[in-house]
Amino acid sequence: MHSNIHDAVRSLLATRREYVREAVVDTAVRDQQMSDSGADSLYAEKARALRRLEHKIENETVDGGDLGLIAEAVLRYELNKAVEQSPDQVSAMR
């Protein structure tokens, strides 16, 4: 399963690099906000890792070890967009 996810991330990087960077930046900002508001320090660590990843995407130096973090960032980005676009539906599903 990991290879399918990694293949999908590689494909996104090849065809939609700016989208991937946007997802990584958005997730980093959200994690930093969570950290700043007193949430678990894990958020600060994730935000730093995502910022490093942003630079790797810009410099085209992403390696295989980064693919899982990219996949997580894209997933969280899409989930956050869905929640923001349809908050009533999300509330009804709870």
PDB file of N, CA and C in Angstrom:
ATOM      1  N   MET A   1       0.821  -1.189   0.000  1.00  0.00           N
ATOM      2  CA  MET A   1       0.000   0.000   0.000  1.00  0.00           C
ATOM      3  C   MET A   1       0.868   1.256   0.000  1.00  0.00           C
ATOM      4  N   HIS A   2       1.968   1.210   0.756  1.00  0.00           N
ATOM      5  CA  HIS A   2       2.853   2.382   0.796  1.00  0.00           C
ATOM      6  C   HIS A   2       3.329   2.763  -0.598  1.00  0.00           C
ATOM      7  N   SER A   3       3.636   1.756  -1.411  1.00  0.00           N
ATOM      8  CA  SER A   3       4.160   2.075  -2.736  1.00  0.00           C
ATOM      9  C   SER A   3       3.101   2.774  -3.584  1.00  0.00           C
ATOM     10  N   ASN A   4       1.819   2.400  -3.436  1.00  0.00           N
ATOM     11  CA  ASN A   4       0.759   3.079  -4.184  1.00  0.00           C
ATOM     12  C   ASN A   4       0.648   4.534  -3.759  1.00  0.00           C
ATOM     13  N   ILE A   5       0.714   4.777  -2.465  1.00  0.00           N
ATOM     14  CA  ILE A   5       0.637   6.150  -1.943  1.00  0.00           C
ATOM     15  C   ILE A   5       1.852   6.939  -2.412  1.00  0.00           C
ATOM     16  N   HIS A   6       3.008   6.338  -2.289  1.00  0.00           N
ATOM     17  CA  HIS A   6       4.234   7.021  -2.710  1.00  0.00           C
ATOM     18  C   HIS A   6       4.213   7.312  -4.206  1.00  0.00           C
ATOM     19  N   ASP A   7       3.684   6.372  -5.001  1.00  0.00           N
ATOM     20  CA  ASP A   7       3.565   6.607  -6.440  1.00  0.00           C
ATOM     21  C   ASP A   7       2.631   7.777  -6.717  1.00  0.00           C
ATOM     22  N   ALA A   8       1.537   7.858  -5.978  1.00  0.00           N
ATOM     23  CA  ALA A   8       0.580   8.958  -6.157  1.00  0.00           C
ATOM     24  C   ALA A   8       1.229  10.293  -5.795  1.00  0.00           C
ATOM     25  N   VAL A   9       2.006  10.303  -4.721  1.00  0.00           N
ATOM     26  CA  VAL A   9       2.685  11.539  -4.317  1.00  0.00           C
ATOM     27  C   VAL A   9       3.727  11.931  -5.358  1.00  0.00           C
ATOM     28  N   ARG A  10       4.482  10.973  -5.853  1.00  0.00           N
ATOM     29  CA  ARG A  10       5.465  11.274  -6.913  1.00  0.00           C
ATOM     30  C   ARG A  10       4.766  11.877  -8.135  1.00  0.00           C
ATOM     31  N   SER A  11       3.615  11.317  -8.482  1.00  0.00           N
ATOM     32  CA  SER A  11       2.855  11.825  -9.617  1.00  0.00           C
ATOM     33  C   SER A  11       2.388  13.264  -9.361  1.00  0.00           C
ATOM     34  N   LEU A  12       1.896  13.523  -8.153  1.00  0.00           N
ATOM     35  CA  LEU A  12       1.488  14.890  -7.804  1.00  0.00           C
ATOM     36  C   LEU A  12       2.668  15.851  -7.894  1.00  0.00           C
ATOM     37  N   LEU A  13       3.810  15.427  -7.394  1.00  0.00           N
ATOM     38  CA  LEU A  13       4.992  16.285  -7.455  1.00  0.00           C
ATOM     39  C   LEU A  13       5.388  16.575  -8.900  1.00  0.00           C
ATOM     40  N   ALA A  14       5.223  15.595  -9.751  1.00  0.00           N
ATOM     41  CA  ALA A  14       5.609  15.761 -11.153  1.00  0.00           C
ATOM     42  C   ALA A  14       4.623  16.636 -11.916  1.00  0.00           C
ATOM     43  N   THR A  15       3.348  16.560 -11.558  1.00  0.00           N
ATOM     44  CA  THR A  15       2.331  17.249 -12.355  1.00  0.00           C
ATOM     45  C   THR A  15       1.710  18.466 -11.674  1.00  0.00           C
ATOM     46  N   ARG A  16       1.752  18.479 -10.338  1.00  0.00           N
ATOM     47  CA  ARG A  16       1.086  19.564  -9.611  1.00  0.00           C
ATOM     48  C   ARG A  16       1.926  20.015  -8.419  1.00  0.00           C
ATOM     49  N   ARG A  17       3.172  20.320  -8.681  1.00  0.00           N
ATOM     50  CA  ARG A  17       4.127  20.691  -7.624  1.00  0.00           C
ATOM     51  C   ARG A  17       3.610  21.862  -6.786  1.00  0.00           C
ATOM     52  N   GLU A  18       3.033  22.883  -7.421  1.00  0.00           N
ATOM     53  CA  GLU A  18       2.555  24.058  -6.683  1.00  0.00           C
ATOM     54  C   GLU A  18       1.403  23.685  -5.746  1.00  0.00           C
ATOM     55  N   TYR A  19       0.541  22.797  -6.176  1.00  0.00           N
ATOM     56  CA  TYR A  19      -0.550  22.307  -5.323  1.00  0.00           C
ATOM     57  C   TYR A  19       0.026  21.608  -4.092  1.00  0.00           C
ATOM     58  N   VAL A  20       1.018  20.763  -4.293  1.00  0.00           N
ATOM     59  CA  VAL A  20       1.643  20.050  -3.177  1.00  0.00           C
ATOM     60  C   VAL A  20       2.275  21.058  -2.218  1.00  0.00           C
ATOM     61  N   ARG A  21       2.973  22.044  -2.760  1.00  0.00           N
ATOM     62  CA  ARG A  21       3.590  23.064  -1.911  1.00  0.00           C
ATOM     63  C   ARG A  21       2.518  23.818  -1.126  1.00  0.00           C
ATOM     64  N   GLU A  22       1.425  24.163  -1.770  1.00  0.00           N
ATOM     65  CA  GLU A  22       0.318  24.857  -1.104  1.00  0.00           C
ATOM     66  C   GLU A  22      -0.243  24.012   0.050  1.00  0.00           C
ATOM     67  N   ALA A  23      -0.416  22.732  -0.189  1.00  0.00           N
ATOM     68  CA  ALA A  23      -0.925  21.836   0.852  1.00  0.00           C
ATOM     69  C   ALA A  23       0.039  21.760   2.034  1.00  0.00           C
ATOM     70  N   VAL A  24       1.321  21.681   1.743  1.00  0.00           N
ATOM     71  CA  VAL A  24       2.338  21.605   2.796  1.00  0.00           C
ATOM     72  C   VAL A  24       2.361  22.908   3.604  1.00  0.00           C
ATOM     73  N   VAL A  25       2.326  24.051   2.924  1.00  0.00           N
ATOM     74  CA  VAL A  25       2.359  25.347   3.606  1.00  0.00           C
ATOM     75  C   VAL A  25       1.112  25.526   4.464  1.00  0.00           C
ATOM     76  N   ASP A  26      -0.057  25.217   3.912  1.00  0.00           N
ATOM     77  CA  ASP A  26      -1.308  25.359   4.661  1.00  0.00           C
ATOM     78  C   ASP A  26      -1.293  24.498   5.924  1.00  0.00           C
ATOM     79  N   THR A  27      -0.836  23.280   5.789  1.00  0.00           N
ATOM     80  CA  THR A  27      -0.782  22.377   6.938  1.00  0.00           C
ATOM     81  C   THR A  27       0.237  22.870   7.958  1.00  0.00           C
ATOM     82  N   ALA A  28       1.364  23.399   7.506  1.00  0.00           N
ATOM     83  CA  ALA A  28       2.373  23.947   8.426  1.00  0.00           C
ATOM     84  C   ALA A  28       1.809  25.129   9.202  1.00  0.00           C
ATOM     85  N   VAL A  29       1.100  26.000   8.502  1.00  0.00           N
ATOM     86  CA  VAL A  29       0.513  27.172   9.169  1.00  0.00           C
ATOM     87  C   VAL A  29      -0.503  26.725  10.224  1.00  0.00           C
ATOM     88  N   ARG A  30      -1.347  25.775   9.875  1.00  0.00           N
ATOM     89  CA  ARG A  30      -2.346  25.279  10.836  1.00  0.00           C
ATOM     90  C   ARG A  30      -1.670  24.646  12.057  1.00  0.00           C
ATOM     91  N   ASP A  31      -0.624  23.864  11.803  1.00  0.00           N
ATOM     92  CA  ASP A  31       0.088  23.227  12.915  1.00  0.00           C
ATOM     93  C   ASP A  31       0.755  24.276  13.800  1.00  0.00           C
ATOM     94  N   GLN A  32       1.333  25.302  13.188  1.00  0.00           N
ATOM     95  CA  GLN A  32       1.964  26.367  13.971  1.00  0.00           C
ATOM     96  C   GLN A  32       0.918  27.097  14.812  1.00  0.00           C
ATOM     97  N   GLN A  33      -0.256  27.339  14.246  1.00  0.00           N
ATOM     98  CA  GLN A  33      -1.331  27.995  14.995  1.00  0.00           C
ATOM     99  C   GLN A  33      -1.769  27.134  16.177  1.00  0.00           C
ATOM    100  N   MET A  34      -1.855  25.834  15.959  1.00  0.00           N
ATOM    101  CA  MET A  34      -2.215  24.935  17.061  1.00  0.00           C
ATOM    102  C   MET A  34      -1.149  24.993  18.156  1.00  0.00           C
ATOM    103  N   SER A  35       0.094  24.992  17.760  1.00  0.00           N
ATOM    104  CA  SER A  35       1.190  25.070  18.721  1.00  0.00           C
ATOM    105  C   SER A  35       1.146  26.387  19.482  1.00  0.00           C
ATOM    106  N   ASP A  36       0.932  27.482  18.748  1.00  0.00           N
ATOM    107  CA  ASP A  36       0.887  28.801  19.380  1.00  0.00           C
ATOM    108  C   ASP A  36      -0.268  28.939  20.368  1.00  0.00           C
ATOM    109  N   SER A  37      -1.340  28.179  20.134  1.00  0.00           N
ATOM    110  CA  SER A  37      -2.493  28.277  21.027  1.00  0.00           C
ATOM    111  C   SER A  37      -2.387  27.304  22.204  1.00  0.00           C
ATOM    112  N   GLY A  38      -1.230  26.679  22.357  1.00  0.00           N
ATOM    113  CA  GLY A  38      -0.984  25.858  23.534  1.00  0.00           C
ATOM    114  C   GLY A  38      -1.237  24.377  23.356  1.00  0.00           C
ATOM    115  N   ALA A  39      -1.448  23.933  22.128  1.00  0.00           N
ATOM    116  CA  ALA A  39      -1.656  22.508  21.883  1.00  0.00           C
ATOM    117  C   ALA A  39      -0.332  21.755  22.077  1.00  0.00           C
ATOM    118  N   ASP A  40      -0.393  20.472  21.964  1.00  0.00           N
ATOM    119  CA  ASP A  40       0.750  19.586  22.121  1.00  0.00           C
ATOM    120  C   ASP A  40       1.959  20.071  21.302  1.00  0.00           C
ATOM    121  N   SER A  41       3.153  19.896  21.829  1.00  0.00           N
ATOM    122  CA  SER A  41       4.367  20.338  21.138  1.00  0.00           C
ATOM    123  C   SER A  41       4.599  19.576  19.836  1.00  0.00           C
ATOM    124  N   LEU A  42       3.892  18.475  19.652  1.00  0.00           N
ATOM    125  CA  LEU A  42       3.979  17.729  18.400  1.00  0.00           C
ATOM    126  C   LEU A  42       3.621  18.625  17.225  1.00  0.00           C
ATOM    127  N   TYR A  43       2.685  19.560  17.428  1.00  0.00           N
ATOM    128  CA  TYR A  43       2.303  20.471  16.347  1.00  0.00           C
ATOM    129  C   TYR A  43       3.474  21.360  15.924  1.00  0.00           C
ATOM    130  N   ALA A  44       4.246  21.831  16.879  1.00  0.00           N
ATOM    131  CA  ALA A  44       5.400  22.675  16.554  1.00  0.00           C
ATOM    132  C   ALA A  44       6.432  21.870  15.773  1.00  0.00           C
ATOM    133  N   GLU A  45       6.652  20.622  16.174  1.00  0.00           N
ATOM    134  CA  GLU A  45       7.606  19.765  15.469  1.00  0.00           C
ATOM    135  C   GLU A  45       7.145  19.504  14.033  1.00  0.00           C
ATOM    136  N   LYS A  46       5.852  19.217  13.882  1.00  0.00           N
ATOM    137  CA  LYS A  46       5.299  18.973  12.539  1.00  0.00           C
ATOM    138  C   LYS A  46       5.424  20.225  11.683  1.00  0.00           C
ATOM    139  N   ALA A  47       5.122  21.384  12.261  1.00  0.00           N
ATOM    140  CA  ALA A  47       5.209  22.641  11.506  1.00  0.00           C
ATOM    141  C   ALA A  47       6.637  22.858  10.999  1.00  0.00           C
ATOM    142  N   ARG A  48       7.630  22.600  11.844  1.00  0.00           N
ATOM    143  CA  ARG A  48       9.030  22.761  11.430  1.00  0.00           C
ATOM    144  C   ARG A  48       9.384  21.773  10.315  1.00  0.00           C
ATOM    145  N   ALA A  49       8.942  20.535  10.464  1.00  0.00           N
ATOM    146  CA  ALA A  49       9.223  19.522   9.440  1.00  0.00           C
ATOM    147  C   ALA A  49       8.566  19.900   8.115  1.00  0.00           C
ATOM    148  N   LEU A  50       7.360  20.425   8.186  1.00  0.00           N
ATOM    149  CA  LEU A  50       6.661  20.830   6.967  1.00  0.00           C
ATOM    150  C   LEU A  50       7.327  22.039   6.313  1.00  0.00           C
ATOM    151  N   ARG A  51       7.847  22.959   7.110  1.00  0.00           N
ATOM    152  CA  ARG A  51       8.558  24.118   6.545  1.00  0.00           C
ATOM    153  C   ARG A  51       9.837  23.664   5.835  1.00  0.00           C
ATOM    154  N   ARG A  52      10.545  22.702   6.436  1.00  0.00           N
ATOM    155  CA  ARG A  52      11.738  22.154   5.768  1.00  0.00           C
ATOM    156  C   ARG A  52      11.328  21.488   4.450  1.00  0.00           C
ATOM    157  N   LEU A  53      10.198  20.789   4.496  1.00  0.00           N
ATOM    158  CA  LEU A  53       9.700  20.110   3.314  1.00  0.00           C
ATOM    159  C   LEU A  53       9.308  21.112   2.223  1.00  0.00           C
ATOM    160  N   GLU A  54       8.744  22.238   2.621  1.00  0.00           N
ATOM    161  CA  GLU A  54       8.402  23.289   1.651  1.00  0.00           C
ATOM    162  C   GLU A  54       9.636  23.693   0.855  1.00  0.00           C
ATOM    163  N   HIS A  55      10.756  23.878   1.543  1.00  0.00           N
ATOM    164  CA  HIS A  55      11.997  24.271   0.867  1.00  0.00           C
ATOM    165  C   HIS A  55      12.505  23.158  -0.051  1.00  0.00           C
ATOM    166  N   LYS A  56      12.335  21.918   0.379  1.00  0.00           N
ATOM    167  CA  LYS A  56      12.752  20.805  -0.471  1.00  0.00           C
ATOM    168  C   LYS A  56      11.905  20.744  -1.739  1.00  0.00           C
ATOM    169  N   ILE A  57      10.621  21.032  -1.614  1.00  0.00           N
ATOM    170  CA  ILE A  57       9.747  21.043  -2.791  1.00  0.00           C
ATOM    171  C   ILE A  57      10.182  22.154  -3.735  1.00  0.00           C
ATOM    172  N   GLU A  58      10.430  23.336  -3.190  1.00  0.00           N
ATOM    173  CA  GLU A  58      10.861  24.473  -4.017  1.00  0.00           C
ATOM    174  C   GLU A  58      12.182  24.191  -4.719  1.00  0.00           C
ATOM    175  N   ASN A  59      13.089  23.518  -4.022  1.00  0.00           N
ATOM    176  CA  ASN A  59      14.416  23.234  -4.572  1.00  0.00           C
ATOM    177  C   ASN A  59      14.476  21.912  -5.336  1.00  0.00           C
ATOM    178  N   GLU A  60      13.333  21.230  -5.404  1.00  0.00           N
ATOM    179  CA  GLU A  60      13.240  19.932  -6.082  1.00  0.00           C
ATOM    180  C   GLU A  60      14.230  18.918  -5.526  1.00  0.00           C
ATOM    181  N   THR A  61      14.326  18.886  -4.193  1.00  0.00           N
ATOM    182  CA  THR A  61      15.222  17.941  -3.525  1.00  0.00           C
ATOM    183  C   THR A  61      14.469  16.952  -2.638  1.00  0.00           C
ATOM    184  N   VAL A  62      13.187  16.767  -2.898  1.00  0.00           N
ATOM    185  CA  VAL A  62      12.378  15.810  -2.141  1.00  0.00           C
ATOM    186  C   VAL A  62      12.929  14.419  -2.388  1.00  0.00           C
ATOM    187  N   ASP A  63      13.015  13.620  -1.313  1.00  0.00           N
ATOM    188  CA  ASP A  63      13.459  12.240  -1.486  1.00  0.00           C
ATOM    189  C   ASP A  63      12.384  11.279  -0.971  1.00  0.00           C
ATOM    190  N   GLY A  64      12.636  10.016  -1.100  1.00  0.00           N
ATOM    191  CA  GLY A  64      11.657   8.998  -0.732  1.00  0.00           C
ATOM    192  C   GLY A  64      11.173   9.087   0.700  1.00  0.00           C
ATOM    193  N   GLY A  65      12.037   9.543   1.606  1.00  0.00           N
ATOM    194  CA  GLY A  65      11.653   9.666   3.005  1.00  0.00           C
ATOM    195  C   GLY A  65      10.643  10.774   3.272  1.00  0.00           C
ATOM    196  N   ASP A  66      10.466  11.665   2.308  1.00  0.00           N
ATOM    197  CA  ASP A  66       9.538  12.786   2.472  1.00  0.00           C
ATOM    198  C   ASP A  66       8.123  12.467   1.994  1.00  0.00           C
ATOM    199  N   LEU A  67       7.964  11.385   1.260  1.00  0.00           N
ATOM    200  CA  LEU A  67       6.696  11.115   0.596  1.00  0.00           C
ATOM    201  C   LEU A  67       5.544  10.887   1.566  1.00  0.00           C
ATOM    202  N   GLY A  68       5.803  10.231   2.681  1.00  0.00           N
ATOM    203  CA  GLY A  68       4.745   9.994   3.672  1.00  0.00           C
ATOM    204  C   GLY A  68       4.244  11.295   4.282  1.00  0.00           C
ATOM    205  N   LEU A  69       5.162  12.194   4.592  1.00  0.00           N
ATOM    206  CA  LEU A  69       4.773  13.486   5.170  1.00  0.00           C
ATOM    207  C   LEU A  69       4.004  14.320   4.147  1.00  0.00           C
ATOM    208  N   ILE A  70       4.397  14.242   2.887  1.00  0.00           N
ATOM    209  CA  ILE A  70       3.654  14.949   1.843  1.00  0.00           C
ATOM    210  C   ILE A  70       2.244  14.381   1.731  1.00  0.00           C
ATOM    211  N   ALA A  71       2.127  13.069   1.736  1.00  0.00           N
ATOM    212  CA  ALA A  71       0.805  12.431   1.642  1.00  0.00           C
ATOM    213  C   ALA A  71      -0.080  12.876   2.800  1.00  0.00           C
ATOM    214  N   GLU A  72       0.468  12.904   4.007  1.00  0.00           N
ATOM    215  CA  GLU A  72      -0.293  13.346   5.177  1.00  0.00           C
ATOM    216  C   GLU A  72      -0.728  14.805   5.026  1.00  0.00           C
ATOM    217  N   ALA A  73       0.171  15.651   4.557  1.00  0.00           N
ATOM    218  CA  ALA A  73      -0.147  17.074   4.403  1.00  0.00           C
ATOM    219  C   ALA A  73      -1.258  17.277   3.371  1.00  0.00           C
ATOM    220  N   VAL A  74      -1.172  16.571   2.251  1.00  0.00           N
ATOM    221  CA  VAL A  74      -2.199  16.705   1.211  1.00  0.00           C
ATOM    222  C   VAL A  74      -3.547  16.213   1.734  1.00  0.00           C
ATOM    223  N   LEU A  75      -3.543  15.094   2.428  1.00  0.00           N
ATOM    224  CA  LEU A  75      -4.784  14.566   2.992  1.00  0.00           C
ATOM    225  C   LEU A  75      -5.401  15.545   3.984  1.00  0.00           C
ATOM    226  N   ARG A  76      -4.594  16.058   4.895  1.00  0.00           N
ATOM    227  CA  ARG A  76      -5.108  17.014   5.884  1.00  0.00           C
ATOM    228  C   ARG A  76      -5.602  18.289   5.216  1.00  0.00           C
ATOM    229  N   TYR A  77      -4.901  18.743   4.184  1.00  0.00           N
ATOM    230  CA  TYR A  77      -5.287  19.931   3.435  1.00  0.00           C
ATOM    231  C   TYR A  77      -6.668  19.736   2.806  1.00  0.00           C
ATOM    232  N   GLU A  78      -6.859  18.609   2.147  1.00  0.00           N
ATOM    233  CA  GLU A  78      -8.143  18.335   1.495  1.00  0.00           C
ATOM    234  C   GLU A  78      -9.264  18.170   2.524  1.00  0.00           C
ATOM    235  N   LEU A  79      -8.977  17.522   3.629  1.00  0.00           N
ATOM    236  CA  LEU A  79      -9.992  17.372   4.679  1.00  0.00           C
ATOM    237  C   LEU A  79     -10.378  18.729   5.268  1.00  0.00           C
ATOM    238  N   ASN A  80      -9.396  19.573   5.508  1.00  0.00           N
ATOM    239  CA  ASN A  80      -9.690  20.913   6.031  1.00  0.00           C
ATOM    240  C   ASN A  80     -10.515  21.728   5.041  1.00  0.00           C
ATOM    241  N   LYS A  81     -10.194  21.631   3.750  1.00  0.00           N
ATOM    242  CA  LYS A  81     -10.982  22.332   2.736  1.00  0.00           C
ATOM    243  C   LYS A  81     -12.421  21.835   2.735  1.00  0.00           C
ATOM    244  N   ALA A  82     -12.609  20.534   2.840  1.00  0.00           N
ATOM    245  CA  ALA A  82     -13.960  19.965   2.838  1.00  0.00           C
ATOM    246  C   ALA A  82     -14.756  20.453   4.041  1.00  0.00           C
ATOM    247  N   VAL A  83     -14.123  20.488   5.193  1.00  0.00           N
ATOM    248  CA  VAL A  83     -14.795  20.953   6.409  1.00  0.00           C
ATOM    249  C   VAL A  83     -15.168  22.425   6.272  1.00  0.00           C
ATOM    250  N   GLU A  84     -14.264  23.222   5.736  1.00  0.00           N
ATOM    251  CA  GLU A  84     -14.530  24.651   5.594  1.00  0.00           C
ATOM    252  C   GLU A  84     -15.617  24.933   4.555  1.00  0.00           C
ATOM    253  N   GLN A  85     -15.719  24.108   3.537  1.00  0.00           N
ATOM    254  CA  GLN A  85     -16.718  24.319   2.494  1.00  0.00           C
ATOM    255  C   GLN A  85     -18.103  23.840   2.905  1.00  0.00           C
ATOM    256  N   SER A  86     -18.168  22.833   3.774  1.00  0.00           N
ATOM    257  CA  SER A  86     -19.461  22.271   4.168  1.00  0.00           C
ATOM    258  C   SER A  86     -19.504  21.979   5.661  1.00  0.00           C
ATOM    259  N   PRO A  87     -19.354  23.006   6.498  1.00  0.00           N
ATOM    260  CA  PRO A  87     -19.320  22.745   7.949  1.00  0.00           C
ATOM    261  C   PRO A  87     -20.627  22.126   8.471  1.00  0.00           C
ATOM    262  N   ASP A  88     -21.752  22.468   7.866  1.00  0.00           N
ATOM    263  CA  ASP A  88     -23.021  21.898   8.336  1.00  0.00           C
ATOM    264  C   ASP A  88     -23.091  20.398   8.084  1.00  0.00           C
ATOM    265  N   GLN A  89     -22.600  19.972   6.942  1.00  0.00           N
ATOM    266  CA  GLN A  89     -22.602  18.535   6.640  1.00  0.00           C
ATOM    267  C   GLN A  89     -21.693  17.782   7.593  1.00  0.00           C
ATOM    268  N   VAL A  90     -20.559  18.354   7.902  1.00  0.00           N
ATOM    269  CA  VAL A  90     -19.625  17.701   8.808  1.00  0.00           C
ATOM    270  C   VAL A  90     -20.249  17.587  10.191  1.00  0.00           C
ATOM    271  N   SER A  91     -20.915  18.634  10.659  1.00  0.00           N
ATOM    272  CA  SER A  91     -21.572  18.610  11.959  1.00  0.00           C
ATOM    273  C   SER A  91     -22.653  17.544  11.998  1.00  0.00           C
ATOM    274  N   ALA A  92     -23.405  17.398  10.923  1.00  0.00           N
ATOM    275  CA  ALA A  92     -24.485  16.420  10.865  1.00  0.00           C
ATOM    276  C   ALA A  92     -23.951  14.988  10.907  1.00  0.00           C
ATOM    277  N   MET A  93     -22.728  14.790  10.439  1.00  0.00           N
ATOM    278  CA  MET A  93     -22.157  13.455  10.419  1.00  0.00           C
ATOM    279  C   MET A  93     -21.623  13.027  11.781  1.00  0.00           C
ATOM    280  N   ARG A  94     -21.484  13.936  12.689  1.00  0.00           N
ATOM    281  CA  ARG A  94     -20.920  13.603  14.013  1.00  0.00           C
ATOM    282  C   ARG A  94     -21.877  12.843  14.840  1.00  0.00           C
TER     283      ARG A  94
END
